[in-house]
Amino acid sequence: MTVTHIVLFAFKKDAQPSDVKDACVQMLALKDNCLHPTSGKPYIVSSQGGLNNSPEGMSDGHEHGFVVEFASVEDRDYYVHKDPSHTKFKDMVIPLVTGVKVVDFEAGVF
């Protein structure tokens, strides 16, 4: 069963717009940069994201959202805990943010 991984970023107010854009581009590039440890091929099923434009005012300062889909819990777990490209991305983005929220789910599992 696929796993949907939702990530929300609250960038620091003094973060340079070019750094924020670069971080977002690099987040989306993980789809191609993260390689399966056995096959050596990209394993992220899909990835999309962008700037919040909700009129509800419920983002709690998290202005950028991303949705990443994995084919399995095992792929998601490798991404979160071991993938070197993801680790490199986290090391780059953490200094730029004041907060990150992550929610993962399998559709229909309540």
PDB file of N, CA and C in Angstrom:
ATOM      1  N   MET A   1       0.846  -1.181   0.000  1.00  0.00           N
ATOM      2  CA  MET A   1       0.000   0.000   0.000  1.00  0.00           C
ATOM      3  C   MET A   1       0.893   1.247   0.000  1.00  0.00           C
ATOM      4  N   THR A   2       0.531   2.238  -0.783  1.00  0.00           N
ATOM      5  CA  THR A   2       1.339   3.449  -0.875  1.00  0.00           C
ATOM      6  C   THR A   2       1.268   4.265   0.420  1.00  0.00           C
ATOM      7  N   VAL A   3       2.320   5.037   0.643  1.00  0.00           N
ATOM      8  CA  VAL A   3       2.399   5.935   1.787  1.00  0.00           C
ATOM      9  C   VAL A   3       2.517   7.356   1.256  1.00  0.00           C
ATOM     10  N   THR A   4       1.651   8.232   1.750  1.00  0.00           N
ATOM     11  CA  THR A   4       1.700   9.644   1.410  1.00  0.00           C
ATOM     12  C   THR A   4       2.408  10.377   2.537  1.00  0.00           C
ATOM     13  N   HIS A   5       3.416  11.139   2.188  1.00  0.00           N
ATOM     14  CA  HIS A   5       4.299  11.849   3.125  1.00  0.00           C
ATOM     15  C   HIS A   5       4.095  13.345   2.878  1.00  0.00           C
ATOM     16  N   ILE A   6       3.519  14.048   3.857  1.00  0.00           N
ATOM     17  CA  ILE A   6       3.257  15.480   3.727  1.00  0.00           C
ATOM     18  C   ILE A   6       4.244  16.240   4.598  1.00  0.00           C
ATOM     19  N   VAL A   7       4.909  17.232   4.005  1.00  0.00           N
ATOM     20  CA  VAL A   7       5.900  18.028   4.718  1.00  0.00           C
ATOM     21  C   VAL A   7       5.539  19.506   4.563  1.00  0.00           C
ATOM     22  N   LEU A   8       5.515  20.213   5.686  1.00  0.00           N
ATOM     23  CA  LEU A   8       5.249  21.649   5.684  1.00  0.00           C
ATOM     24  C   LEU A   8       6.447  22.378   6.281  1.00  0.00           C
ATOM     25  N   PHE A   9       6.915  23.425   5.603  1.00  0.00           N
ATOM     26  CA  PHE A   9       8.051  24.206   6.071  1.00  0.00           C
ATOM     27  C   PHE A   9       7.619  25.608   6.465  1.00  0.00           C
ATOM     28  N   ALA A  10       8.130  26.080   7.598  1.00  0.00           N
ATOM     29  CA  ALA A  10       8.032  27.483   8.000  1.00  0.00           C
ATOM     30  C   ALA A  10       9.446  28.041   7.899  1.00  0.00           C
ATOM     31  N   PHE A  11       9.706  28.800   6.848  1.00  0.00           N
ATOM     32  CA  PHE A  11      11.033  29.370   6.660  1.00  0.00           C
ATOM     33  C   PHE A  11      11.216  30.588   7.557  1.00  0.00           C
ATOM     34  N   LYS A  12      12.459  30.806   7.970  1.00  0.00           N
ATOM     35  CA  LYS A  12      12.780  31.970   8.791  1.00  0.00           C
ATOM     36  C   LYS A  12      12.430  33.239   8.033  1.00  0.00           C
ATOM     37  N   LYS A  13      11.963  34.242   8.760  1.00  0.00           N
ATOM     38  CA  LYS A  13      11.567  35.511   8.128  1.00  0.00           C
ATOM     39  C   LYS A  13      12.731  36.174   7.404  1.00  0.00           C
ATOM     40  N   ASP A  14      13.965  35.962   7.889  1.00  0.00           N
ATOM     41  CA  ASP A  14      15.126  36.584   7.256  1.00  0.00           C
ATOM     42  C   ASP A  14      15.800  35.686   6.220  1.00  0.00           C
ATOM     43  N   ALA A  15      15.199  34.552   5.910  1.00  0.00           N
ATOM     44  CA  ALA A  15      15.759  33.679   4.875  1.00  0.00           C
ATOM     45  C   ALA A  15      15.678  34.392   3.528  1.00  0.00           C
ATOM     46  N   GLN A  16      16.745  34.326   2.797  1.00  0.00           N
ATOM     47  CA  GLN A  16      16.779  34.966   1.481  1.00  0.00           C
ATOM     48  C   GLN A  16      15.820  34.252   0.533  1.00  0.00           C
ATOM     49  N   PRO A  17      15.032  34.999  -0.235  1.00  0.00           N
ATOM     50  CA  PRO A  17      14.103  34.368  -1.180  1.00  0.00           C
ATOM     51  C   PRO A  17      14.798  33.363  -2.113  1.00  0.00           C
ATOM     52  N   SER A  18      16.010  33.665  -2.520  1.00  0.00           N
ATOM     53  CA  SER A  18      16.724  32.734  -3.403  1.00  0.00           C
ATOM     54  C   SER A  18      17.051  31.430  -2.672  1.00  0.00           C
ATOM     55  N   ASP A  19      17.332  31.498  -1.363  1.00  0.00           N
ATOM     56  CA  ASP A  19      17.601  30.287  -0.584  1.00  0.00           C
ATOM     57  C   ASP A  19      16.336  29.461  -0.400  1.00  0.00           C
ATOM     58  N   VAL A  20      15.211  30.143  -0.185  1.00  0.00           N
ATOM     59  CA  VAL A  20      13.931  29.443  -0.040  1.00  0.00           C
ATOM     60  C   VAL A  20      13.582  28.743  -1.349  1.00  0.00           C
ATOM     61  N   LYS A  21      13.725  29.466  -2.458  1.00  0.00           N
ATOM     62  CA  LYS A  21      13.423  28.862  -3.764  1.00  0.00           C
ATOM     63  C   LYS A  21      14.331  27.669  -4.020  1.00  0.00           C
ATOM     64  N   ASP A  22      15.622  27.808  -3.733  1.00  0.00           N
ATOM     65  CA  ASP A  22      16.568  26.718  -3.932  1.00  0.00           C
ATOM     66  C   ASP A  22      16.187  25.501  -3.086  1.00  0.00           C
ATOM     67  N   ALA A  23      15.795  25.735  -1.837  1.00  0.00           N
ATOM     68  CA  ALA A  23      15.380  24.630  -0.965  1.00  0.00           C
ATOM     69  C   ALA A  23      14.166  23.913  -1.544  1.00  0.00           C
ATOM     70  N   CYS A  24      13.219  24.673  -2.075  1.00  0.00           N
ATOM     71  CA  CYS A  24      12.025  24.062  -2.661  1.00  0.00           C
ATOM     72  C   CYS A  24      12.367  23.259  -3.913  1.00  0.00           C
ATOM     73  N   VAL A  25      13.234  23.799  -4.748  1.00  0.00           N
ATOM     74  CA  VAL A  25      13.669  23.082  -5.948  1.00  0.00           C
ATOM     75  C   VAL A  25      14.391  21.794  -5.554  1.00  0.00           C
ATOM     76  N   GLN A  26      15.245  21.888  -4.532  1.00  0.00           N
ATOM     77  CA  GLN A  26      15.977  20.697  -4.085  1.00  0.00           C
ATOM     78  C   GLN A  26      15.040  19.663  -3.457  1.00  0.00           C
ATOM     79  N   MET A  27      14.003  20.128  -2.761  1.00  0.00           N
ATOM     80  CA  MET A  27      13.029  19.187  -2.190  1.00  0.00           C
ATOM     81  C   MET A  27      12.370  18.389  -3.317  1.00  0.00           C
ATOM     82  N   LEU A  28      11.950  19.069  -4.369  1.00  0.00           N
ATOM     83  CA  LEU A  28      11.311  18.379  -5.488  1.00  0.00           C
ATOM     84  C   LEU A  28      12.299  17.489  -6.249  1.00  0.00           C
ATOM     85  N   ALA A  29      13.565  17.872  -6.263  1.00  0.00           N
ATOM     86  CA  ALA A  29      14.591  17.088  -6.965  1.00  0.00           C
ATOM     87  C   ALA A  29      14.878  15.758  -6.272  1.00  0.00           C
ATOM     88  N   LEU A  30      14.454  15.631  -5.007  1.00  0.00           N
ATOM     89  CA  LEU A  30      14.670  14.367  -4.310  1.00  0.00           C
ATOM     90  C   LEU A  30      14.017  13.200  -5.043  1.00  0.00           C
ATOM     91  N   LYS A  31      12.956  13.476  -5.798  1.00  0.00           N
ATOM     92  CA  LYS A  31      12.283  12.413  -6.555  1.00  0.00           C
ATOM     93  C   LYS A  31      13.263  11.701  -7.489  1.00  0.00           C
ATOM     94  N   ASP A  32      14.185  12.450  -8.057  1.00  0.00           N
ATOM     95  CA  ASP A  32      15.179  11.865  -8.963  1.00  0.00           C
ATOM     96  C   ASP A  32      16.494  11.529  -8.262  1.00  0.00           C
ATOM     97  N   ASN A  33      16.792  12.230  -7.188  1.00  0.00           N
ATOM     98  CA  ASN A  33      18.083  12.062  -6.512  1.00  0.00           C
ATOM     99  C   ASN A  33      18.104  10.924  -5.499  1.00  0.00           C
ATOM    100  N   CYS A  34      16.955  10.547  -4.974  1.00  0.00           N
ATOM    101  CA  CYS A  34      16.902   9.454  -3.996  1.00  0.00           C
ATOM    102  C   CYS A  34      16.848   8.125  -4.746  1.00  0.00           C
ATOM    103  N   LEU A  35      17.862   7.296  -4.518  1.00  0.00           N
ATOM    104  CA  LEU A  35      17.979   6.035  -5.244  1.00  0.00           C
ATOM    105  C   LEU A  35      17.790   4.862  -4.298  1.00  0.00           C
ATOM    106  N   HIS A  36      17.064   3.872  -4.772  1.00  0.00           N
ATOM    107  CA  HIS A  36      16.802   2.673  -3.975  1.00  0.00           C
ATOM    108  C   HIS A  36      18.118   1.969  -3.660  1.00  0.00           C
ATOM    109  N   PRO A  37      18.305   1.506  -2.417  1.00  0.00           N
ATOM    110  CA  PRO A  37      19.584   0.908  -2.035  1.00  0.00           C
ATOM    111  C   PRO A  37      19.921  -0.388  -2.769  1.00  0.00           C
ATOM    112  N   THR A  38      18.919  -1.066  -3.293  1.00  0.00           N
ATOM    113  CA  THR A  38      19.168  -2.329  -3.994  1.00  0.00           C
ATOM    114  C   THR A  38      19.221  -2.142  -5.508  1.00  0.00           C
ATOM    115  N   SER A  39      18.201  -1.461  -6.053  1.00  0.00           N
ATOM    116  CA  SER A  39      18.116  -1.311  -7.516  1.00  0.00           C
ATOM    117  C   SER A  39      18.961  -0.158  -8.046  1.00  0.00           C
ATOM    118  N   GLY A  40      19.252   0.828  -7.198  1.00  0.00           N
ATOM    119  CA  GLY A  40      19.978   2.004  -7.655  1.00  0.00           C
ATOM    120  C   GLY A  40      19.147   2.944  -8.499  1.00  0.00           C
ATOM    121  N   LYS A  41      17.827   2.718  -8.523  1.00  0.00           N
ATOM    122  CA  LYS A  41      16.918   3.543  -9.323  1.00  0.00           C
ATOM    123  C   LYS A  41      16.082   4.428  -8.402  1.00  0.00           C
ATOM    124  N   PRO A  42      15.577   5.565  -8.942  1.00  0.00           N
ATOM    125  CA  PRO A  42      14.692   6.409  -8.136  1.00  0.00           C
ATOM    126  C   PRO A  42      13.487   5.605  -7.635  1.00  0.00           C
ATOM    127  N   TYR A  43      13.091   5.840  -6.402  1.00  0.00           N
ATOM    128  CA  TYR A  43      11.996   5.062  -5.808  1.00  0.00           C
ATOM    129  C   TYR A  43      10.833   5.912  -5.316  1.00  0.00           C
ATOM    130  N   ILE A  44      10.940   7.216  -5.379  1.00  0.00           N
ATOM    131  CA  ILE A  44       9.801   8.067  -5.005  1.00  0.00           C
ATOM    132  C   ILE A  44       8.805   8.020  -6.153  1.00  0.00           C
ATOM    133  N   VAL A  45       7.567   7.672  -5.844  1.00  0.00           N
ATOM    134  CA  VAL A  45       6.534   7.517  -6.870  1.00  0.00           C
ATOM    135  C   VAL A  45       6.152   8.865  -7.452  1.00  0.00           C
ATOM    136  N   SER A  46       5.915   9.859  -6.595  1.00  0.00           N
ATOM    137  CA  SER A  46       5.554  11.194  -7.059  1.00  0.00           C
ATOM    138  C   SER A  46       5.932  12.218  -6.003  1.00  0.00           C
ATOM    139  N   SER A  47       6.094  13.453  -6.456  1.00  0.00           N
ATOM    140  CA  SER A  47       6.444  14.545  -5.551  1.00  0.00           C
ATOM    141  C   SER A  47       5.926  15.842  -6.145  1.00  0.00           C
ATOM    142  N   GLN A  48       5.256  16.628  -5.314  1.00  0.00           N
ATOM    143  CA  GLN A  48       4.794  17.939  -5.748  1.00  0.00           C
ATOM    144  C   GLN A  48       4.762  18.874  -4.552  1.00  0.00           C
ATOM    145  N   GLY A  49       4.756  20.148  -4.821  1.00  0.00           N
ATOM    146  CA  GLY A  49       4.718  21.095  -3.718  1.00  0.00           C
ATOM    147  C   GLY A  49       4.711  22.518  -4.211  1.00  0.00           C
ATOM    148  N   GLY A  50       4.569  23.441  -3.252  1.00  0.00           N
ATOM    149  CA  GLY A  50       4.555  24.847  -3.607  1.00  0.00           C
ATOM    150  C   GLY A  50       4.220  25.729  -2.427  1.00  0.00           C
ATOM    151  N   LEU A  51       4.005  26.991  -2.734  1.00  0.00           N
ATOM    152  CA  LEU A  51       3.712  28.037  -1.767  1.00  0.00           C
ATOM    153  C   LEU A  51       2.244  27.977  -1.350  1.00  0.00           C
ATOM    154  N   ASN A  52       2.006  28.065  -0.057  1.00  0.00           N
ATOM    155  CA  ASN A  52       0.637  28.064   0.472  1.00  0.00           C
ATOM    156  C   ASN A  52      -0.151  29.239  -0.100  1.00  0.00           C
ATOM    157  N   ASN A  53      -1.362  28.974  -0.564  1.00  0.00           N
ATOM    158  CA  ASN A  53      -2.258  30.051  -1.001  1.00  0.00           C
ATOM    159  C   ASN A  53      -3.649  29.884  -0.412  1.00  0.00           C
ATOM    160  N   SER A  54      -3.747  29.167   0.701  1.00  0.00           N
ATOM    161  CA  SER A  54      -5.033  28.943   1.338  1.00  0.00           C
ATOM    162  C   SER A  54      -5.564  30.230   1.968  1.00  0.00           C
ATOM    163  N   PRO A  55      -6.850  30.522   1.764  1.00  0.00           N
ATOM    164  CA  PRO A  55      -7.445  31.699   2.390  1.00  0.00           C
ATOM    165  C   PRO A  55      -7.898  31.441   3.837  1.00  0.00           C
ATOM    166  N   GLU A  56      -7.703  30.223   4.341  1.00  0.00           N
ATOM    167  CA  GLU A  56      -8.229  29.861   5.664  1.00  0.00           C
ATOM    168  C   GLU A  56      -7.410  30.402   6.831  1.00  0.00           C
ATOM    169  N   GLY A  57      -6.150  30.751   6.599  1.00  0.00           N
ATOM    170  CA  GLY A  57      -5.322  31.272   7.673  1.00  0.00           C
ATOM    171  C   GLY A  57      -4.978  30.244   8.741  1.00  0.00           C
ATOM    172  N   MET A  58      -4.854  28.992   8.370  1.00  0.00           N
ATOM    173  CA  MET A  58      -4.616  27.910   9.326  1.00  0.00           C
ATOM    174  C   MET A  58      -3.229  27.283   9.181  1.00  0.00           C
ATOM    175  N   SER A  59      -2.304  27.939   8.496  1.00  0.00           N
ATOM    176  CA  SER A  59      -1.013  27.323   8.198  1.00  0.00           C
ATOM    177  C   SER A  59      -0.024  27.395   9.358  1.00  0.00           C
ATOM    178  N   ASP A  60      -0.325  28.185  10.371  1.00  0.00           N
ATOM    179  CA  ASP A  60       0.552  28.301  11.538  1.00  0.00           C
ATOM    180  C   ASP A  60       1.980  28.659  11.129  1.00  0.00           C
ATOM    181  N   GLY A  61       2.107  29.522  10.094  1.00  0.00           N
ATOM    182  CA  GLY A  61       3.415  29.974   9.654  1.00  0.00           C
ATOM    183  C   GLY A  61       4.120  29.054   8.679  1.00  0.00           C
ATOM    184  N   HIS A  62       3.528  27.933   8.351  1.00  0.00           N
ATOM    185  CA  HIS A  62       4.130  26.990   7.397  1.00  0.00           C
ATOM    186  C   HIS A  62       3.667  27.380   5.996  1.00  0.00           C
ATOM    187  N   GLU A  63       4.574  28.034   5.263  1.00  0.00           N
ATOM    188  CA  GLU A  63       4.201  28.643   3.985  1.00  0.00           C
ATOM    189  C   GLU A  63       4.393  27.757   2.765  1.00  0.00           C
ATOM    190  N   HIS A  64       5.161  26.679   2.904  1.00  0.00           N
ATOM    191  CA  HIS A  64       5.445  25.807   1.763  1.00  0.00           C
ATOM    192  C   HIS A  64       5.080  24.374   2.126  1.00  0.00           C
ATOM    193  N   GLY A  65       4.358  23.713   1.228  1.00  0.00           N
ATOM    194  CA  GLY A  65       3.942  22.333   1.474  1.00  0.00           C
ATOM    195  C   GLY A  65       4.347  21.415   0.342  1.00  0.00           C
ATOM    196  N   PHE A  66       4.638  20.169   0.715  1.00  0.00           N
ATOM    197  CA  PHE A  66       5.059  19.164  -0.258  1.00  0.00           C
ATOM    198  C   PHE A  66       4.360  17.850   0.041  1.00  0.00           C
ATOM    199  N   VAL A  67       4.013  17.135  -1.012  1.00  0.00           N
ATOM    200  CA  VAL A  67       3.398  15.819  -0.894  1.00  0.00           C
ATOM    201  C   VAL A  67       4.256  14.842  -1.689  1.00  0.00           C
ATOM    202  N   VAL A  68       4.766  13.836  -0.978  1.00  0.00           N
ATOM    203  CA  VAL A  68       5.644  12.834  -1.582  1.00  0.00           C
ATOM    204  C   VAL A  68       4.974  11.479  -1.406  1.00  0.00           C
ATOM    205  N   GLU A  69       4.950  10.692  -2.455  1.00  0.00           N
ATOM    206  CA  GLU A  69       4.318   9.370  -2.388  1.00  0.00           C
ATOM    207  C   GLU A  69       5.369   8.278  -2.550  1.00  0.00           C
ATOM    208  N   PHE A  70       5.268   7.289  -1.670  1.00  0.00           N
ATOM    209  CA  PHE A  70       6.153   6.121  -1.700  1.00  0.00           C
ATOM    210  C   PHE A  70       5.329   4.873  -1.973  1.00  0.00           C
ATOM    211  N   ALA A  71       5.930   3.885  -2.604  1.00  0.00           N
ATOM    212  CA  ALA A  71       5.232   2.637  -2.920  1.00  0.00           C
ATOM    213  C   ALA A  71       4.999   1.777  -1.683  1.00  0.00           C
ATOM    214  N   SER A  72       5.806   1.985  -0.640  1.00  0.00           N
ATOM    215  CA  SER A  72       5.691   1.126   0.540  1.00  0.00           C
ATOM    216  C   SER A  72       6.201   1.835   1.788  1.00  0.00           C
ATOM    217  N   VAL A  73       5.844   1.295   2.931  1.00  0.00           N
ATOM    218  CA  VAL A  73       6.358   1.781   4.209  1.00  0.00           C
ATOM    219  C   VAL A  73       7.872   1.620   4.243  1.00  0.00           C
ATOM    220  N   GLU A  74       8.374   0.531   3.689  1.00  0.00           N
ATOM    221  CA  GLU A  74       9.813   0.280   3.682  1.00  0.00           C
ATOM    222  C   GLU A  74      10.566   1.369   2.903  1.00  0.00           C
ATOM    223  N   ASP A  75      10.016   1.775   1.747  1.00  0.00           N
ATOM    224  CA  ASP A  75      10.652   2.845   0.979  1.00  0.00           C
ATOM    225  C   ASP A  75      10.623   4.153   1.757  1.00  0.00           C
ATOM    226  N   ARG A  76       9.485   4.468   2.379  1.00  0.00           N
ATOM    227  CA  ARG A  76       9.393   5.680   3.186  1.00  0.00           C
ATOM    228  C   ARG A  76      10.395   5.641   4.338  1.00  0.00           C
ATOM    229  N   ASP A  77      10.495   4.503   5.001  1.00  0.00           N
ATOM    230  CA  ASP A  77      11.413   4.387   6.132  1.00  0.00           C
ATOM    231  C   ASP A  77      12.872   4.546   5.695  1.00  0.00           C
ATOM    232  N   TYR A  78      13.222   3.985   4.543  1.00  0.00           N
ATOM    233  CA  TYR A  78      14.584   4.170   4.029  1.00  0.00           C
ATOM    234  C   TYR A  78      14.840   5.654   3.765  1.00  0.00           C
ATOM    235  N   TYR A  79      13.897   6.314   3.125  1.00  0.00           N
ATOM    236  CA  TYR A  79      13.996   7.748   2.836  1.00  0.00           C
ATOM    237  C   TYR A  79      14.207   8.554   4.116  1.00  0.00           C
ATOM    238  N   VAL A  80      13.399   8.297   5.112  1.00  0.00           N
ATOM    239  CA  VAL A  80      13.446   9.073   6.350  1.00  0.00           C
ATOM    240  C   VAL A  80      14.723   8.820   7.139  1.00  0.00           C
ATOM    241  N   HIS A  81      15.162   7.571   7.214  1.00  0.00           N
ATOM    242  CA  HIS A  81      16.246   7.219   8.123  1.00  0.00           C
ATOM    243  C   HIS A  81      17.618   7.006   7.495  1.00  0.00           C
ATOM    244  N   LYS A  82      17.669   6.671   6.189  1.00  0.00           N
ATOM    245  CA  LYS A  82      18.959   6.250   5.631  1.00  0.00           C
ATOM    246  C   LYS A  82      19.364   6.892   4.310  1.00  0.00           C
ATOM    247  N   ASP A  83      18.427   7.406   3.548  1.00  0.00           N
ATOM    248  CA  ASP A  83      18.780   7.886   2.208  1.00  0.00           C
ATOM    249  C   ASP A  83      19.769   9.053   2.294  1.00  0.00           C
ATOM    250  N   PRO A  84      20.962   8.916   1.695  1.00  0.00           N
ATOM    251  CA  PRO A  84      21.964   9.984   1.797  1.00  0.00           C
ATOM    252  C   PRO A  84      21.546  11.289   1.134  1.00  0.00           C
ATOM    253  N   SER A  85      20.779  11.220   0.061  1.00  0.00           N
ATOM    254  CA  SER A  85      20.314  12.451  -0.596  1.00  0.00           C
ATOM    255  C   SER A  85      19.330  13.196   0.298  1.00  0.00           C
ATOM    256  N   HIS A  86      18.452  12.458   0.958  1.00  0.00           N
ATOM    257  CA  HIS A  86      17.499  13.085   1.876  1.00  0.00           C
ATOM    258  C   HIS A  86      18.229  13.670   3.077  1.00  0.00           C
ATOM    259  N   THR A  87      19.216  12.945   3.597  1.00  0.00           N
ATOM    260  CA  THR A  87      19.992  13.440   4.732  1.00  0.00           C
ATOM    261  C   THR A  87      20.710  14.741   4.362  1.00  0.00           C
ATOM    262  N   LYS A  88      21.298  14.782   3.188  1.00  0.00           N
ATOM    263  CA  LYS A  88      21.981  15.990   2.715  1.00  0.00           C
ATOM    264  C   LYS A  88      20.993  17.149   2.598  1.00  0.00           C
ATOM    265  N   PHE A  89      19.796  16.867   2.078  1.00  0.00           N
ATOM    266  CA  PHE A  89      18.773  17.908   1.962  1.00  0.00           C
ATOM    267  C   PHE A  89      18.378  18.432   3.346  1.00  0.00           C
ATOM    268  N   LYS A  90      18.138  17.533   4.288  1.00  0.00           N
ATOM    269  CA  LYS A  90      17.760  17.962   5.646  1.00  0.00           C
ATOM    270  C   LYS A  90      18.845  18.852   6.250  1.00  0.00           C
ATOM    271  N   ASP A  91      20.106  18.471   6.084  1.00  0.00           N
ATOM    272  CA  ASP A  91      21.209  19.271   6.616  1.00  0.00           C
ATOM    273  C   ASP A  91      21.221  20.678   6.012  1.00  0.00           C
ATOM    274  N   MET A  92      20.834  20.795   4.748  1.00  0.00           N
ATOM    275  CA  MET A  92      20.808  22.084   4.070  1.00  0.00           C
ATOM    276  C   MET A  92      19.610  22.922   4.509  1.00  0.00           C
ATOM    277  N   VAL A  93      18.435  22.309   4.674  1.00  0.00           N
ATOM    278  CA  VAL A  93      17.215  23.089   4.910  1.00  0.00           C
ATOM    279  C   VAL A  93      17.015  23.468   6.380  1.00  0.00           C
ATOM    280  N   ILE A  94      17.480  22.664   7.308  1.00  0.00           N
ATOM    281  CA  ILE A  94      17.241  22.917   8.732  1.00  0.00           C
ATOM    282  C   ILE A  94      17.673  24.327   9.162  1.00  0.00           C
ATOM    283  N   PRO A  95      18.834  24.836   8.724  1.00  0.00           N
ATOM    284  CA  PRO A  95      19.201  26.199   9.140  1.00  0.00           C
ATOM    285  C   PRO A  95      18.284  27.296   8.584  1.00  0.00           C
ATOM    286  N   LEU A  96      17.471  26.972   7.582  1.00  0.00           N
ATOM    287  CA  LEU A  96      16.606  27.964   6.944  1.00  0.00           C
ATOM    288  C   LEU A  96      15.208  28.032   7.539  1.00  0.00           C
ATOM    289  N   VAL A  97      14.850  27.083   8.397  1.00  0.00           N
ATOM    290  CA  VAL A  97      13.464  26.991   8.857  1.00  0.00           C
ATOM    291  C   VAL A  97      13.334  27.228  10.360  1.00  0.00           C
ATOM    292  N   THR A  98      12.119  27.666  10.723  1.00  0.00           N
ATOM    293  CA  THR A  98      11.775  27.765  12.144  1.00  0.00           C
ATOM    294  C   THR A  98      10.907  26.595  12.568  1.00  0.00           C
ATOM    295  N   GLY A  99      10.362  25.899  11.586  1.00  0.00           N
ATOM    296  CA  GLY A  99       9.526  24.753  11.904  1.00  0.00           C
ATOM    297  C   GLY A  99       9.277  23.866  10.707  1.00  0.00           C
ATOM    298  N   VAL A 100       9.098  22.581  11.002  1.00  0.00           N
ATOM    299  CA  VAL A 100       8.757  21.583   9.987  1.00  0.00           C
ATOM    300  C   VAL A 100       7.684  20.690  10.589  1.00  0.00           C
ATOM    301  N   LYS A 101       6.646  20.417   9.825  1.00  0.00           N
ATOM    302  CA  LYS A 101       5.620  19.464  10.242  1.00  0.00           C
ATOM    303  C   LYS A 101       5.570  18.353   9.202  1.00  0.00           C
ATOM    304  N   VAL A 102       5.435  17.130   9.683  1.00  0.00           N
ATOM    305  CA  VAL A 102       5.372  15.976   8.789  1.00  0.00           C
ATOM    306  C   VAL A 102       4.212  15.095   9.221  1.00  0.00           C
ATOM    307  N   VAL A 103       3.405  14.685   8.262  1.00  0.00           N
ATOM    308  CA  VAL A 103       2.324  13.728   8.483  1.00  0.00           C
ATOM    309  C   VAL A 103       2.404  12.693   7.376  1.00  0.00           C
ATOM    310  N   ASP A 104       2.404  11.423   7.750  1.00  0.00           N
ATOM    311  CA  ASP A 104       2.399  10.321   6.788  1.00  0.00           C
ATOM    312  C   ASP A 104       1.122   9.514   6.987  1.00  0.00           C
ATOM    313  N   PHE A 105       0.597   8.986   5.885  1.00  0.00           N
ATOM    314  CA  PHE A 105      -0.568   8.115   6.020  1.00  0.00           C
ATOM    315  C   PHE A 105      -0.669   7.140   4.862  1.00  0.00           C
ATOM    316  N   GLU A 106      -1.383   6.052   5.114  1.00  0.00           N
ATOM    317  CA  GLU A 106      -1.790   5.118   4.079  1.00  0.00           C
ATOM    318  C   GLU A 106      -3.280   5.364   3.877  1.00  0.00           C
ATOM    319  N   ALA A 107      -3.699   5.574   2.641  1.00  0.00           N
ATOM    320  CA  ALA A 107      -5.076   5.917   2.340  1.00  0.00           C
ATOM    321  C   ALA A 107      -6.049   4.897   2.931  1.00  0.00           C
ATOM    322  N   GLY A 108      -7.044   5.409   3.624  1.00  0.00           N
ATOM    323  CA  GLY A 108      -8.095   4.569   4.171  1.00  0.00           C
ATOM    324  C   GLY A 108      -7.764   3.883   5.478  1.00  0.00           C
ATOM    325  N   VAL A 109      -6.566   4.070   6.008  1.00  0.00           N
ATOM    326  CA  VAL A 109      -6.202   3.469   7.284  1.00  0.00           C
ATOM    327  C   VAL A 109      -6.481   4.501   8.364  1.00  0.00           C
ATOM    328  N   PHE A 110      -7.460   4.196   9.224  1.00  0.00           N
ATOM    329  CA  PHE A 110      -7.897   5.168  10.244  1.00  0.00           C
ATOM    330  C   PHE A 110      -7.642   4.672  11.647  1.00  0.00           C
TER     331      PHE A 110
END
